[in-house]
């Protein structure tokens, strides 16, 4: 015999239906959240026309070596880091990327140490690799993005041991009169890799 009478069983059925309705509402909320995440992730990859140049630079037997990278490295931070980690640089390797003459990225890998620098955090609204950098740094949004300011993000001391301090790097990033590709070429000159970077850019990225 059941311990419940008919009235109590009816109440139990109603409670079960309420729980099912709550579960359905939860599933609907989850669907909405997933849609929001999908919207957040939708950014078009940079194309050949968008990429001014993307190169890796390192030193082997004391000599500068610069090689062109493909579009995947220009659109995915993890891909760039993994590639740089495999290069035979004596003191690690560095990736340099310029997009539409407006934004530049520097990624430096030395063993387990990874440093990143993005010339303008607001670029995370346009370019996948810029968004990757904000995610890597644990930032939900770029500082100053609401004020339409150029605000560099990342490790501004990324080139300090090579002769470029944080002030100089940030000043160059914020200089609206200097295009991003020219900014990287100037930095390459200052760290002793200018001729190699310029030669690779001319051969691989300029018509």
N, C-alpha and C. Protein backbone atom coordinates (compact mmCIF):
# COMPACT_ATOMS: atom_id res chain seq x y z
N UNK A 1 0.84 -1.20 0.00
CA UNK A 1 0.00 0.00 0.00
C UNK A 1 0.87 1.25 0.00
N UNK A 2 0.43 2.30 -0.74
CA UNK A 2 1.18 3.54 -0.78
C UNK A 2 0.95 4.34 0.48
N UNK A 3 1.98 5.07 0.89
CA UNK A 3 1.86 5.95 2.05
C UNK A 3 1.14 7.25 1.71
N UNK A 4 0.80 7.49 0.41
CA UNK A 4 0.18 8.73 -0.01
C UNK A 4 -1.27 8.47 -0.41
N UNK A 5 -2.16 9.43 -0.06
CA UNK A 5 -3.52 9.33 -0.57
C UNK A 5 -3.61 10.02 -1.91
N UNK A 6 -4.78 10.01 -2.54
CA UNK A 6 -4.93 10.57 -3.90
C UNK A 6 -4.61 12.05 -3.96
N UNK A 7 -5.00 12.80 -2.93
CA UNK A 7 -4.76 14.25 -2.94
C UNK A 7 -3.27 14.55 -2.87
N UNK A 8 -2.56 13.79 -2.04
CA UNK A 8 -1.12 13.99 -1.91
C UNK A 8 -0.41 13.63 -3.21
N UNK A 9 -0.88 12.58 -3.89
CA UNK A 9 -0.28 12.21 -5.18
C UNK A 9 -0.48 13.29 -6.21
N UNK A 10 -1.65 13.94 -6.21
CA UNK A 10 -1.89 15.05 -7.14
C UNK A 10 -0.92 16.18 -6.89
N UNK A 11 -0.66 16.48 -5.61
CA UNK A 11 0.28 17.55 -5.27
C UNK A 11 1.68 17.20 -5.74
N UNK A 12 2.06 15.92 -5.60
CA UNK A 12 3.38 15.50 -6.07
C UNK A 12 3.50 15.66 -7.56
N UNK A 13 2.45 15.33 -8.32
CA UNK A 13 2.48 15.48 -9.77
C UNK A 13 2.65 16.92 -10.17
N UNK A 14 1.96 17.83 -9.45
CA UNK A 14 2.08 19.25 -9.76
C UNK A 14 3.49 19.74 -9.49
N UNK A 15 4.08 19.29 -8.37
CA UNK A 15 5.45 19.71 -8.06
C UNK A 15 6.42 19.23 -9.13
N UNK A 16 6.21 18.01 -9.62
CA UNK A 16 7.09 17.47 -10.66
C UNK A 16 6.99 18.28 -11.93
N UNK A 17 5.75 18.68 -12.28
CA UNK A 17 5.56 19.47 -13.49
C UNK A 17 6.26 20.82 -13.36
N UNK A 18 6.17 21.43 -12.15
CA UNK A 18 6.83 22.72 -11.92
C UNK A 18 8.33 22.59 -12.10
N UNK A 19 8.89 21.47 -11.56
CA UNK A 19 10.32 21.25 -11.69
C UNK A 19 10.73 21.10 -13.15
N UNK A 20 9.89 20.38 -13.92
CA UNK A 20 10.18 20.20 -15.35
C UNK A 20 10.15 21.53 -16.07
N UNK A 21 9.15 22.39 -15.72
CA UNK A 21 9.06 23.71 -16.34
C UNK A 21 10.30 24.52 -16.02
N UNK A 22 10.77 24.42 -14.74
CA UNK A 22 11.97 25.16 -14.36
C UNK A 22 13.16 24.68 -15.16
N UNK A 23 13.25 23.34 -15.36
CA UNK A 23 14.36 22.79 -16.14
C UNK A 23 14.32 23.29 -17.57
N UNK A 24 13.09 23.35 -18.16
CA UNK A 24 12.96 23.84 -19.53
C UNK A 24 13.42 25.28 -19.64
N UNK A 25 13.03 26.09 -18.62
CA UNK A 25 13.46 27.49 -18.62
C UNK A 25 14.97 27.58 -18.55
N UNK A 26 15.60 26.69 -17.75
CA UNK A 26 17.05 26.70 -17.62
C UNK A 26 17.72 26.37 -18.94
N UNK A 27 17.15 25.36 -19.65
CA UNK A 27 17.70 25.01 -20.96
C UNK A 27 17.60 26.17 -21.92
N UNK A 28 16.45 26.89 -21.87
CA UNK A 28 16.29 28.03 -22.76
C UNK A 28 17.30 29.11 -22.44
N UNK A 29 17.55 29.34 -21.13
CA UNK A 29 18.55 30.34 -20.73
C UNK A 29 19.92 29.94 -21.21
N UNK A 30 20.23 28.62 -21.10
CA UNK A 30 21.53 28.14 -21.57
C UNK A 30 21.69 28.38 -23.05
N UNK A 31 20.60 28.16 -23.81
CA UNK A 31 20.66 28.38 -25.26
C UNK A 31 20.95 29.83 -25.56
N UNK A 32 20.34 30.73 -24.80
CA UNK A 32 20.57 32.16 -25.01
C UNK A 32 22.02 32.50 -24.71
N UNK A 33 22.56 31.94 -23.60
CA UNK A 33 23.95 32.22 -23.26
C UNK A 33 24.89 31.73 -24.34
N UNK A 34 24.61 30.53 -24.90
CA UNK A 34 25.46 29.99 -25.94
C UNK A 34 25.42 30.88 -27.18
N UNK A 35 24.21 31.39 -27.49
CA UNK A 35 24.10 32.29 -28.64
C UNK A 35 24.92 33.54 -28.42
N UNK A 36 24.88 34.06 -27.16
CA UNK A 36 25.66 35.26 -26.86
C UNK A 36 27.14 34.98 -27.04
N UNK A 37 27.61 33.79 -26.60
CA UNK A 37 29.02 33.43 -26.74
C UNK A 37 29.39 33.35 -28.22
N UNK A 38 28.49 32.75 -29.02
CA UNK A 38 28.77 32.65 -30.45
C UNK A 38 28.90 34.02 -31.07
N UNK A 39 28.01 34.95 -30.67
CA UNK A 39 28.09 36.30 -31.21
C UNK A 39 29.41 36.94 -30.84
N UNK A 40 29.86 36.70 -29.60
CA UNK A 40 31.11 37.30 -29.12
C UNK A 40 32.30 36.82 -29.93
N UNK A 41 32.24 35.57 -30.37
CA UNK A 41 33.39 34.97 -31.02
C UNK A 41 33.46 35.26 -32.52
N UNK A 42 32.41 35.82 -33.07
CA UNK A 42 32.38 36.00 -34.52
C UNK A 42 33.18 37.23 -34.95
N UNK A 43 34.39 36.98 -35.40
CA UNK A 43 35.23 38.01 -36.00
C UNK A 43 35.82 37.43 -37.26
N UNK A 44 35.85 38.22 -38.31
CA UNK A 44 36.45 37.76 -39.55
C UNK A 44 37.97 37.72 -39.41
N UNK A 45 38.57 36.67 -39.93
CA UNK A 45 40.03 36.58 -39.93
C UNK A 45 40.63 37.67 -40.80
N UNK A 46 41.82 38.09 -40.43
CA UNK A 46 42.57 39.01 -41.28
C UNK A 46 42.93 38.28 -42.59
N UNK A 47 42.84 39.00 -43.69
CA UNK A 47 43.17 38.43 -44.99
C UNK A 47 44.55 38.91 -45.43
N UNK A 48 44.99 38.43 -46.58
CA UNK A 48 46.27 38.88 -47.13
C UNK A 48 46.29 40.40 -47.29
N UNK A 49 45.14 40.96 -47.67
CA UNK A 49 45.07 42.41 -47.85
C UNK A 49 45.16 43.16 -46.53
N UNK A 50 44.71 42.54 -45.45
CA UNK A 50 44.75 43.19 -44.14
C UNK A 50 46.12 43.15 -43.49
N UNK A 51 46.88 42.11 -43.79
CA UNK A 51 48.17 41.90 -43.14
C UNK A 51 49.27 42.63 -43.90
N UNK A 52 49.85 43.65 -43.26
CA UNK A 52 50.99 44.35 -43.86
C UNK A 52 52.20 43.42 -43.90
N UNK A 53 52.46 42.78 -42.79
CA UNK A 53 53.45 41.71 -42.74
C UNK A 53 53.36 40.98 -41.40
N UNK A 54 53.79 39.73 -41.40
CA UNK A 54 53.90 38.95 -40.17
C UNK A 54 55.16 38.10 -40.29
N UNK A 55 56.10 38.33 -39.38
CA UNK A 55 57.40 37.66 -39.46
C UNK A 55 57.82 37.15 -38.09
N UNK A 56 58.73 36.20 -38.12
CA UNK A 56 59.40 35.73 -36.91
C UNK A 56 60.86 36.12 -36.99
N UNK A 57 61.42 36.57 -35.88
CA UNK A 57 62.82 37.00 -35.85
C UNK A 57 63.53 36.33 -34.67
N UNK A 58 64.73 35.87 -34.91
CA UNK A 58 65.53 35.25 -33.85
C UNK A 58 67.00 35.30 -34.25
N UNK A 59 67.86 34.90 -33.34
CA UNK A 59 69.30 34.87 -33.63
C UNK A 59 69.81 33.43 -33.56
N UNK A 60 70.57 33.08 -34.57
CA UNK A 60 71.17 31.75 -34.63
C UNK A 60 72.66 31.90 -34.87
N UNK A 61 73.48 31.35 -33.98
CA UNK A 61 74.93 31.54 -34.03
C UNK A 61 75.29 33.03 -34.05
N UNK A 62 74.48 33.82 -33.34
CA UNK A 62 74.74 35.25 -33.22
C UNK A 62 74.24 36.09 -34.38
N UNK A 63 73.70 35.45 -35.42
CA UNK A 63 73.26 36.19 -36.60
C UNK A 63 71.73 36.30 -36.64
N UNK A 64 71.21 37.48 -37.01
CA UNK A 64 69.76 37.65 -37.09
C UNK A 64 69.16 36.82 -38.21
N UNK A 65 68.06 36.18 -37.92
CA UNK A 65 67.32 35.41 -38.91
C UNK A 65 65.87 35.88 -38.87
N UNK A 66 65.32 36.18 -40.03
CA UNK A 66 63.92 36.64 -40.12
C UNK A 66 63.21 35.83 -41.19
N UNK A 67 62.05 35.28 -40.85
CA UNK A 67 61.29 34.48 -41.80
C UNK A 67 59.83 34.96 -41.81
N UNK A 68 59.21 34.87 -42.97
CA UNK A 68 57.80 35.23 -43.09
C UNK A 68 56.93 34.14 -42.48
N UNK A 69 55.81 34.54 -41.89
CA UNK A 69 54.84 33.61 -41.34
C UNK A 69 53.56 33.64 -42.17
N UNK A 70 52.74 32.60 -42.02
CA UNK A 70 51.52 32.54 -42.82
C UNK A 70 50.35 33.18 -42.07
N UNK A 71 49.20 33.22 -42.75
CA UNK A 71 48.03 33.91 -42.22
C UNK A 71 47.51 33.30 -40.92
N UNK A 72 47.70 32.01 -40.74
CA UNK A 72 47.23 31.38 -39.51
C UNK A 72 47.87 32.03 -38.30
N UNK A 73 49.16 32.33 -38.40
CA UNK A 73 49.87 32.95 -37.27
C UNK A 73 49.41 34.39 -37.05
N UNK A 74 48.84 35.00 -38.09
CA UNK A 74 48.34 36.37 -37.97
C UNK A 74 46.96 36.43 -37.36
N UNK A 75 46.32 35.27 -37.20
CA UNK A 75 44.95 35.24 -36.70
C UNK A 75 44.77 34.44 -35.42
N UNK A 76 45.82 33.80 -34.96
CA UNK A 76 45.68 32.92 -33.79
C UNK A 76 46.93 33.03 -32.92
N UNK A 77 46.75 33.56 -31.72
CA UNK A 77 47.89 33.76 -30.82
C UNK A 77 48.56 32.44 -30.45
N UNK A 78 47.76 31.42 -30.15
CA UNK A 78 48.34 30.13 -29.78
C UNK A 78 49.19 29.56 -30.91
N UNK A 79 48.71 29.69 -32.15
CA UNK A 79 49.47 29.20 -33.28
C UNK A 79 50.82 29.92 -33.40
N UNK A 80 50.80 31.24 -33.17
CA UNK A 80 52.05 31.99 -33.25
C UNK A 80 53.01 31.58 -32.13
N UNK A 81 52.49 31.46 -30.93
CA UNK A 81 53.33 31.07 -29.80
C UNK A 81 53.95 29.70 -30.03
N UNK A 82 53.15 28.75 -30.46
CA UNK A 82 53.66 27.39 -30.69
C UNK A 82 54.73 27.38 -31.78
N UNK A 83 54.53 28.18 -32.81
CA UNK A 83 55.52 28.24 -33.89
C UNK A 83 56.82 28.86 -33.39
N UNK A 84 56.72 29.96 -32.66
CA UNK A 84 57.92 30.62 -32.15
C UNK A 84 58.69 29.71 -31.20
N UNK A 85 57.97 28.92 -30.45
CA UNK A 85 58.62 28.02 -29.49
C UNK A 85 59.46 26.96 -30.20
N UNK A 86 59.12 26.63 -31.44
CA UNK A 86 59.85 25.60 -32.17
C UNK A 86 61.08 26.13 -32.91
N UNK A 87 61.24 27.45 -32.96
CA UNK A 87 62.37 28.02 -33.69
C UNK A 87 63.65 27.90 -32.85
N UNK A 88 64.81 27.81 -33.54
CA UNK A 88 66.06 27.53 -32.84
C UNK A 88 66.77 28.77 -32.28
N UNK A 89 66.03 29.78 -31.93
CA UNK A 89 66.66 31.00 -31.43
C UNK A 89 67.41 30.77 -30.14
N UNK A 90 68.61 31.34 -30.06
CA UNK A 90 69.44 31.16 -28.87
C UNK A 90 68.83 31.83 -27.64
N UNK A 91 68.12 32.92 -27.87
CA UNK A 91 67.47 33.62 -26.76
C UNK A 91 65.97 33.72 -27.02
N UNK A 92 65.41 32.66 -27.61
CA UNK A 92 63.99 32.67 -27.93
C UNK A 92 63.73 33.29 -29.30
N UNK A 93 62.48 33.54 -29.58
CA UNK A 93 62.08 34.10 -30.88
C UNK A 93 60.98 35.12 -30.68
N UNK A 94 60.83 35.99 -31.67
CA UNK A 94 59.88 37.08 -31.60
C UNK A 94 59.01 37.10 -32.85
N UNK A 95 57.70 37.29 -32.66
CA UNK A 95 56.79 37.47 -33.78
C UNK A 95 56.40 38.93 -33.88
N UNK A 96 56.36 39.43 -35.11
CA UNK A 96 55.95 40.81 -35.36
C UNK A 96 54.84 40.82 -36.40
N UNK A 97 53.73 41.47 -36.09
CA UNK A 97 52.58 41.51 -36.98
C UNK A 97 52.05 42.93 -37.08
N UNK A 98 51.80 43.38 -38.32
CA UNK A 98 51.16 44.67 -38.55
C UNK A 98 49.90 44.46 -39.36
N UNK A 99 48.80 45.10 -38.91
CA UNK A 99 47.50 44.97 -39.56
C UNK A 99 47.01 46.33 -40.05
N UNK A 100 46.65 46.39 -41.30
CA UNK A 100 46.05 47.56 -41.97
C UNK A 100 46.73 48.88 -41.61
N UNK A 101 48.03 48.82 -41.36
CA UNK A 101 48.84 49.99 -41.05
C UNK A 101 48.37 50.73 -39.79
N UNK A 102 47.57 50.03 -38.95
CA UNK A 102 47.01 50.69 -37.78
C UNK A 102 47.34 50.00 -36.46
N UNK A 103 47.54 48.70 -36.50
CA UNK A 103 47.71 47.94 -35.26
C UNK A 103 48.93 47.04 -35.39
N UNK A 104 49.75 47.00 -34.34
CA UNK A 104 50.84 46.03 -34.37
C UNK A 104 50.86 45.17 -33.12
N UNK A 105 51.40 43.97 -33.32
CA UNK A 105 51.49 42.96 -32.27
C UNK A 105 52.93 42.49 -32.19
N UNK A 106 53.42 42.33 -30.95
CA UNK A 106 54.72 41.71 -30.72
C UNK A 106 54.51 40.56 -29.76
N UNK A 107 55.01 39.39 -30.12
CA UNK A 107 54.95 38.22 -29.26
C UNK A 107 56.37 37.70 -29.10
N UNK A 108 56.79 37.50 -27.86
CA UNK A 108 58.15 37.02 -27.61
C UNK A 108 58.10 35.77 -26.76
N UNK A 109 58.78 34.73 -27.21
CA UNK A 109 58.77 33.45 -26.51
C UNK A 109 60.21 33.07 -26.18
N UNK A 110 60.46 32.87 -24.89
CA UNK A 110 61.78 32.41 -24.42
C UNK A 110 61.56 31.28 -23.45
N UNK A 111 61.62 30.07 -23.96
CA UNK A 111 61.33 28.91 -23.13
C UNK A 111 59.88 28.94 -22.68
N UNK A 112 59.70 28.87 -21.36
CA UNK A 112 58.35 28.90 -20.81
C UNK A 112 57.81 30.31 -20.67
N UNK A 113 58.65 31.31 -20.91
CA UNK A 113 58.24 32.71 -20.75
C UNK A 113 57.65 33.24 -22.05
N UNK A 114 56.42 33.73 -21.97
CA UNK A 114 55.75 34.32 -23.14
C UNK A 114 55.34 35.75 -22.79
N UNK A 115 55.75 36.68 -23.63
CA UNK A 115 55.36 38.08 -23.46
C UNK A 115 54.58 38.52 -24.70
N UNK A 116 53.56 39.34 -24.48
CA UNK A 116 52.76 39.84 -25.60
C UNK A 116 52.55 41.34 -25.45
N UNK A 117 52.47 42.01 -26.59
CA UNK A 117 52.20 43.45 -26.58
C UNK A 117 51.30 43.77 -27.77
N UNK A 118 50.23 44.50 -27.51
CA UNK A 118 49.28 44.94 -28.54
C UNK A 118 49.23 46.45 -28.52
N UNK A 119 49.43 47.06 -29.68
CA UNK A 119 49.56 48.52 -29.72
C UNK A 119 48.28 49.26 -29.38
N UNK A 120 47.12 48.62 -29.58
CA UNK A 120 45.84 49.27 -29.28
C UNK A 120 44.83 48.20 -28.86
N UNK A 121 44.45 48.21 -27.60
CA UNK A 121 43.54 47.20 -27.09
C UNK A 121 42.19 47.20 -27.77
N UNK A 122 41.76 48.35 -28.31
CA UNK A 122 40.47 48.42 -28.98
C UNK A 122 40.42 47.55 -30.23
N UNK A 123 41.58 47.13 -30.73
CA UNK A 123 41.63 46.27 -31.91
C UNK A 123 40.99 44.91 -31.64
N UNK A 124 40.76 44.59 -30.38
CA UNK A 124 40.11 43.32 -30.03
C UNK A 124 38.68 43.25 -30.54
N UNK A 125 38.10 44.38 -30.90
CA UNK A 125 36.77 44.40 -31.48
C UNK A 125 36.79 44.08 -32.97
N UNK A 126 37.99 44.02 -33.57
CA UNK A 126 38.08 43.82 -35.01
C UNK A 126 38.88 42.60 -35.43
N UNK A 127 39.94 42.26 -34.67
CA UNK A 127 40.87 41.24 -35.14
C UNK A 127 40.97 40.09 -34.14
N UNK A 128 40.88 38.85 -34.64
CA UNK A 128 40.93 37.69 -33.75
C UNK A 128 42.17 37.62 -32.87
N UNK A 129 43.34 37.91 -33.42
CA UNK A 129 44.55 37.79 -32.61
C UNK A 129 44.59 38.84 -31.50
N UNK A 130 44.01 40.01 -31.76
CA UNK A 130 43.95 41.04 -30.73
C UNK A 130 43.03 40.60 -29.60
N UNK A 131 41.92 39.96 -29.95
CA UNK A 131 41.03 39.43 -28.92
C UNK A 131 41.72 38.31 -28.16
N UNK A 132 42.49 37.48 -28.87
CA UNK A 132 43.26 36.42 -28.20
C UNK A 132 44.19 37.00 -27.14
N UNK A 133 44.80 38.13 -27.47
CA UNK A 133 45.75 38.75 -26.55
C UNK A 133 45.03 39.24 -25.29
N UNK A 134 43.87 39.87 -25.46
CA UNK A 134 43.11 40.30 -24.28
C UNK A 134 42.72 39.09 -23.43
N UNK A 135 42.30 38.01 -24.08
CA UNK A 135 41.96 36.79 -23.34
C UNK A 135 43.18 36.25 -22.61
N UNK A 136 44.32 36.25 -23.28
CA UNK A 136 45.56 35.75 -22.69
C UNK A 136 45.94 36.56 -21.45
N UNK A 137 45.67 37.86 -21.51
CA UNK A 137 46.00 38.75 -20.39
C UNK A 137 44.91 38.76 -19.32
N UNK A 138 43.80 38.06 -19.58
CA UNK A 138 42.71 38.01 -18.61
C UNK A 138 41.88 39.28 -18.57
N UNK A 139 41.81 40.00 -19.68
CA UNK A 139 41.04 41.25 -19.75
C UNK A 139 39.72 41.01 -20.46
N UNK A 140 38.62 41.47 -19.85
CA UNK A 140 37.31 41.33 -20.49
C UNK A 140 37.12 42.35 -21.61
N UNK A 141 37.72 43.50 -21.45
CA UNK A 141 37.65 44.53 -22.47
C UNK A 141 38.91 45.38 -22.40
N UNK A 142 39.15 46.12 -23.47
CA UNK A 142 40.36 46.94 -23.53
C UNK A 142 40.22 48.19 -22.68
N UNK A 143 41.23 48.52 -21.89
CA UNK A 143 41.20 49.78 -21.13
C UNK A 143 41.08 50.97 -22.08
N UNK A 144 40.17 51.90 -21.74
CA UNK A 144 40.01 53.10 -22.56
C UNK A 144 39.24 52.91 -23.84
N UNK A 145 38.70 51.72 -24.08
CA UNK A 145 38.01 51.46 -25.35
C UNK A 145 36.79 52.36 -25.51
N UNK A 146 36.10 52.67 -24.40
CA UNK A 146 34.90 53.50 -24.48
C UNK A 146 35.23 54.96 -24.76
N UNK A 147 36.48 55.35 -24.59
CA UNK A 147 36.87 56.75 -24.78
C UNK A 147 37.53 56.99 -26.14
N UNK A 148 37.53 55.97 -27.00
CA UNK A 148 38.15 56.07 -28.33
C UNK A 148 39.61 56.49 -28.24
N UNK A 149 40.28 56.04 -27.19
CA UNK A 149 41.70 56.33 -27.03
C UNK A 149 42.53 55.14 -27.49
N UNK A 150 43.75 55.42 -27.92
CA UNK A 150 44.70 54.35 -28.21
C UNK A 150 45.37 53.96 -26.90
N UNK A 151 45.07 52.76 -26.45
CA UNK A 151 45.62 52.29 -25.18
C UNK A 151 46.34 50.96 -25.43
N UNK A 152 47.67 50.98 -25.41
CA UNK A 152 48.41 49.72 -25.56
C UNK A 152 48.13 48.78 -24.39
N UNK A 153 48.18 47.49 -24.65
CA UNK A 153 48.01 46.50 -23.59
C UNK A 153 49.11 45.45 -23.71
N UNK A 154 49.41 44.82 -22.58
CA UNK A 154 50.43 43.79 -22.58
C UNK A 154 51.69 44.25 -21.88
N UNK A 155 52.77 43.55 -22.14
CA UNK A 155 54.05 43.79 -21.47
C UNK A 155 54.85 44.83 -22.24
N UNK A 156 54.83 46.06 -21.76
CA UNK A 156 55.53 47.14 -22.45
C UNK A 156 57.04 47.06 -22.28
N UNK A 157 57.52 46.12 -21.45
CA UNK A 157 58.96 45.92 -21.28
C UNK A 157 59.46 44.74 -22.10
N UNK A 158 58.68 44.34 -23.07
CA UNK A 158 58.99 43.17 -23.87
C UNK A 158 60.32 43.28 -24.60
N UNK A 159 60.75 44.52 -24.90
CA UNK A 159 62.01 44.73 -25.63
C UNK A 159 63.06 45.45 -24.79
N UNK A 160 62.84 45.55 -23.50
CA UNK A 160 63.74 46.33 -22.66
C UNK A 160 65.18 45.82 -22.73
N UNK A 161 65.37 44.51 -22.67
CA UNK A 161 66.72 43.97 -22.69
C UNK A 161 67.39 44.14 -24.05
N UNK A 162 66.60 44.52 -25.06
CA UNK A 162 67.14 44.75 -26.40
C UNK A 162 67.33 46.24 -26.70
N UNK A 163 67.08 47.07 -25.69
CA UNK A 163 67.36 48.50 -25.85
C UNK A 163 66.16 49.38 -26.05
N UNK A 164 64.93 48.83 -25.98
CA UNK A 164 63.72 49.64 -26.15
C UNK A 164 62.91 49.56 -24.86
N UNK A 165 62.87 50.68 -24.13
CA UNK A 165 62.16 50.71 -22.85
C UNK A 165 60.66 50.82 -23.02
N UNK A 166 59.95 50.68 -21.90
CA UNK A 166 58.49 50.71 -21.94
C UNK A 166 57.94 52.05 -22.41
N UNK A 167 58.56 53.14 -21.98
CA UNK A 167 58.08 54.46 -22.39
C UNK A 167 58.17 54.63 -23.91
N UNK A 168 59.31 54.25 -24.47
CA UNK A 168 59.50 54.41 -25.92
C UNK A 168 58.52 53.53 -26.70
N UNK A 169 58.28 52.31 -26.23
CA UNK A 169 57.38 51.42 -26.94
C UNK A 169 55.95 51.94 -26.88
N UNK A 170 55.51 52.38 -25.73
CA UNK A 170 54.15 52.89 -25.60
C UNK A 170 53.97 54.18 -26.40
N UNK A 171 54.99 55.02 -26.39
CA UNK A 171 54.92 56.27 -27.15
C UNK A 171 54.79 56.00 -28.64
N UNK A 172 55.51 55.01 -29.13
CA UNK A 172 55.43 54.66 -30.54
C UNK A 172 54.06 54.07 -30.88
N UNK A 173 53.51 53.29 -29.97
CA UNK A 173 52.19 52.70 -30.20
C UNK A 173 51.10 53.77 -30.26
N UNK A 174 51.26 54.81 -29.48
CA UNK A 174 50.25 55.86 -29.40
C UNK A 174 50.44 56.96 -30.44
N UNK A 175 51.51 56.90 -31.22
CA UNK A 175 51.80 57.93 -32.21
C UNK A 175 50.93 57.70 -33.46
N UNK A 176 49.90 58.51 -33.62
CA UNK A 176 48.96 58.33 -34.73
C UNK A 176 49.58 58.72 -36.07
N UNK A 177 50.71 59.40 -36.05
CA UNK A 177 51.36 59.81 -37.30
C UNK A 177 52.30 58.73 -37.85
N UNK A 178 52.52 57.69 -37.08
CA UNK A 178 53.40 56.59 -37.53
C UNK A 178 52.55 55.35 -37.75
N UNK A 179 52.56 54.83 -38.97
CA UNK A 179 51.78 53.63 -39.27
C UNK A 179 52.36 52.44 -38.52
N UNK A 180 51.54 51.42 -38.31
CA UNK A 180 51.97 50.27 -37.51
C UNK A 180 53.11 49.51 -38.17
N UNK A 181 53.10 49.41 -39.49
CA UNK A 181 54.19 48.70 -40.16
C UNK A 181 55.50 49.47 -40.03
N UNK A 182 55.42 50.79 -40.14
CA UNK A 182 56.63 51.60 -39.98
C UNK A 182 57.12 51.56 -38.54
N UNK A 183 56.20 51.51 -37.59
CA UNK A 183 56.58 51.42 -36.17
C UNK A 183 57.38 50.15 -35.91
N UNK A 184 56.93 49.04 -36.47
CA UNK A 184 57.66 47.78 -36.29
C UNK A 184 59.02 47.82 -36.97
N UNK A 185 59.09 48.45 -38.13
CA UNK A 185 60.38 48.56 -38.81
C UNK A 185 61.36 49.40 -38.00
N UNK A 186 60.85 50.46 -37.39
CA UNK A 186 61.70 51.27 -36.52
C UNK A 186 62.20 50.45 -35.33
N UNK A 187 61.31 49.67 -34.75
CA UNK A 187 61.71 48.82 -33.62
C UNK A 187 62.74 47.79 -34.06
N UNK A 188 62.54 47.22 -35.26
CA UNK A 188 63.50 46.25 -35.77
C UNK A 188 64.88 46.88 -35.93
N UNK A 189 64.92 48.13 -36.39
CA UNK A 189 66.19 48.84 -36.50
C UNK A 189 66.86 48.97 -35.14
N UNK A 190 66.07 49.29 -34.13
CA UNK A 190 66.62 49.55 -32.80
C UNK A 190 67.13 48.29 -32.11
N UNK A 191 66.58 47.14 -32.47
CA UNK A 191 67.05 45.90 -31.84
C UNK A 191 68.06 45.15 -32.72
N UNK A 192 68.51 45.82 -33.77
CA UNK A 192 69.58 45.25 -34.59
C UNK A 192 69.15 44.23 -35.61
N UNK A 193 67.86 44.27 -36.00
CA UNK A 193 67.36 43.33 -37.00
C UNK A 193 66.69 44.05 -38.17
N UNK A 194 66.92 45.34 -38.28
CA UNK A 194 66.26 46.14 -39.30
C UNK A 194 66.46 45.65 -40.73
N UNK A 195 67.70 45.45 -41.17
CA UNK A 195 67.93 45.02 -42.56
C UNK A 195 67.27 43.69 -42.89
N UNK A 196 67.32 42.76 -41.96
CA UNK A 196 66.74 41.43 -42.20
C UNK A 196 65.21 41.50 -42.25
N UNK A 197 64.61 42.28 -41.36
CA UNK A 197 63.15 42.42 -41.37
C UNK A 197 62.70 43.13 -42.64
N UNK A 198 63.39 44.21 -43.00
CA UNK A 198 63.01 44.96 -44.20
C UNK A 198 63.13 44.10 -45.45
N UNK A 199 64.20 43.32 -45.53
CA UNK A 199 64.41 42.47 -46.71
C UNK A 199 63.28 41.42 -46.81
N UNK A 200 62.95 40.80 -45.69
CA UNK A 200 61.89 39.78 -45.70
C UNK A 200 60.54 40.40 -46.06
N UNK A 201 60.25 41.57 -45.54
CA UNK A 201 58.99 42.24 -45.84
C UNK A 201 58.91 42.58 -47.32
N UNK A 202 59.99 43.10 -47.88
CA UNK A 202 60.00 43.45 -49.30
C UNK A 202 59.83 42.22 -50.20
N UNK A 203 60.46 41.13 -49.83
CA UNK A 203 60.42 39.93 -50.66
C UNK A 203 59.08 39.18 -50.56
N UNK A 204 58.51 39.16 -49.36
CA UNK A 204 57.34 38.31 -49.12
C UNK A 204 56.01 39.03 -49.09
N UNK A 205 56.02 40.35 -48.80
CA UNK A 205 54.74 41.02 -48.58
C UNK A 205 54.48 42.23 -49.46
N UNK A 206 55.48 42.68 -50.18
CA UNK A 206 55.29 43.83 -51.04
C UNK A 206 55.26 43.39 -52.50
N UNK A 207 54.29 43.93 -53.22
CA UNK A 207 54.17 43.57 -54.65
C UNK A 207 55.28 44.20 -55.48
